[in-house]
């Protein structure tokens, strides 16, 4: 059971790294949140959320963490895994 949970968590983390906008859009729609709802949760404009979802904006890592923690309710452990993987992939040149 623990192995499946870890696998699911890593899939979630990798999706956040590879398709942050898509993950954000899917989360928002699955939770019946409007662009405005999400924007209020994380303190930005709804148009900025829209542009992130459409991959027209690549938010800074600090804003990503704010979205994951405050907007999508990720746990501290999930945030840590995200940062660890993000930094690892950035060092190897797999992230812009």
Protein backbone atom coordinates (compact mmCIF):
# COMPACT_ATOMS: atom_id res chain seq x y z
CA UNK A 1 0.00 0.00 0.00
CA UNK A 2 2.78 2.43 0.90
CA UNK A 3 4.48 1.74 -2.43
CA UNK A 4 1.33 2.65 -4.39
CA UNK A 5 0.95 5.85 -2.39
CA UNK A 6 4.56 6.84 -3.09
CA UNK A 7 4.15 6.03 -6.78
CA UNK A 8 0.98 8.15 -6.99
CA UNK A 9 2.70 11.01 -5.18
CA UNK A 10 5.68 10.91 -7.56
CA UNK A 11 3.36 10.87 -10.59
CA UNK A 12 1.64 13.96 -9.20
CA UNK A 13 5.00 15.69 -8.60
CA UNK A 14 6.27 14.85 -12.08
CA UNK A 15 3.05 16.11 -13.65
CA UNK A 16 3.47 19.39 -11.76
CA UNK A 17 6.98 19.71 -13.18
CA UNK A 18 6.16 18.69 -16.74
CA UNK A 19 2.70 20.26 -17.15
CA UNK A 20 2.07 22.75 -14.36
CA UNK A 21 -0.64 24.59 -16.30
CA UNK A 22 -2.49 21.40 -17.15
CA UNK A 23 -2.33 20.17 -13.57
CA UNK A 24 -3.66 23.51 -12.34
CA UNK A 25 -6.52 23.49 -14.87
CA UNK A 26 -7.46 19.88 -14.07
CA UNK A 27 -7.39 20.53 -10.32
CA UNK A 28 -9.50 23.66 -10.69
CA UNK A 29 -12.12 21.94 -12.84
CA UNK A 30 -12.23 18.77 -10.71
CA UNK A 31 -12.92 20.96 -7.68
CA UNK A 32 -15.47 23.17 -9.45
CA UNK A 33 -13.38 26.31 -9.03
CA UNK A 34 -13.58 29.23 -11.41
CA UNK A 35 -10.52 31.12 -12.60
CA UNK A 36 -11.53 33.86 -10.19
CA UNK A 37 -11.84 31.40 -7.28
CA UNK A 38 -8.31 30.13 -7.82
CA UNK A 39 -6.95 33.63 -8.36
CA UNK A 40 -8.39 34.73 -5.01
CA UNK A 41 -6.88 31.70 -3.27
CA UNK A 42 -3.36 32.52 -4.47
CA UNK A 43 -3.52 36.30 -4.74
CA UNK A 44 -3.29 37.06 -8.43
CA UNK A 45 -5.57 37.90 -11.35
CA UNK A 46 -7.82 35.37 -13.03
CA UNK A 47 -6.19 36.25 -16.36
CA UNK A 48 -2.80 35.22 -14.95
CA UNK A 49 -4.23 31.82 -13.91
CA UNK A 50 -5.71 31.49 -17.41
CA UNK A 51 -2.35 32.23 -19.04
CA UNK A 52 -0.59 29.69 -16.80
CA UNK A 53 -3.16 27.04 -17.71
CA UNK A 54 -2.67 27.78 -21.42
CA UNK A 55 1.13 27.61 -21.00
CA UNK A 56 1.48 31.24 -22.05
CA UNK A 57 3.13 32.09 -18.72
CA UNK A 58 5.80 30.18 -16.85
CA UNK A 59 5.49 31.30 -13.22
CA UNK A 60 8.47 31.64 -10.91
CA UNK A 61 9.09 28.76 -8.52
CA UNK A 62 7.89 30.79 -5.53
CA UNK A 63 4.53 31.37 -7.19
CA UNK A 64 4.28 27.70 -8.15
CA UNK A 65 4.82 26.74 -4.52
CA UNK A 66 2.11 29.20 -3.46
CA UNK A 67 -0.33 27.66 -5.96
CA UNK A 68 0.51 24.11 -4.90
CA UNK A 69 0.29 24.81 -1.17
CA UNK A 70 -2.47 27.42 -0.91
CA UNK A 71 -4.45 26.79 -4.07
CA UNK A 72 -4.17 23.02 -4.41
CA UNK A 73 -3.59 22.06 -0.74
CA UNK A 74 -0.44 20.02 -1.29
CA UNK A 75 1.19 18.69 1.86
CA UNK A 76 4.59 19.84 3.05
CA UNK A 77 6.02 16.47 2.01
CA UNK A 78 4.61 16.83 -1.52
CA UNK A 79 6.04 20.36 -1.78
CA UNK A 80 9.42 19.08 -0.63
CA UNK A 81 9.37 16.29 -3.25
CA UNK A 82 8.35 18.80 -5.92
CA UNK A 83 11.24 21.12 -5.05
CA UNK A 84 13.72 18.25 -4.88
CA UNK A 85 12.68 16.93 -8.32
CA UNK A 86 12.41 20.40 -9.83
CA UNK A 87 15.94 21.31 -8.73
CA UNK A 88 17.30 17.95 -9.86
CA UNK A 89 15.75 18.29 -13.33
CA UNK A 90 16.80 21.93 -13.59
CA UNK A 91 20.42 20.98 -12.87
CA UNK A 92 20.39 18.37 -15.62
CA UNK A 93 18.87 20.84 -18.08
CA UNK A 94 15.48 19.11 -18.36
CA UNK A 95 13.63 22.28 -17.34
CA UNK A 96 13.80 25.62 -19.15
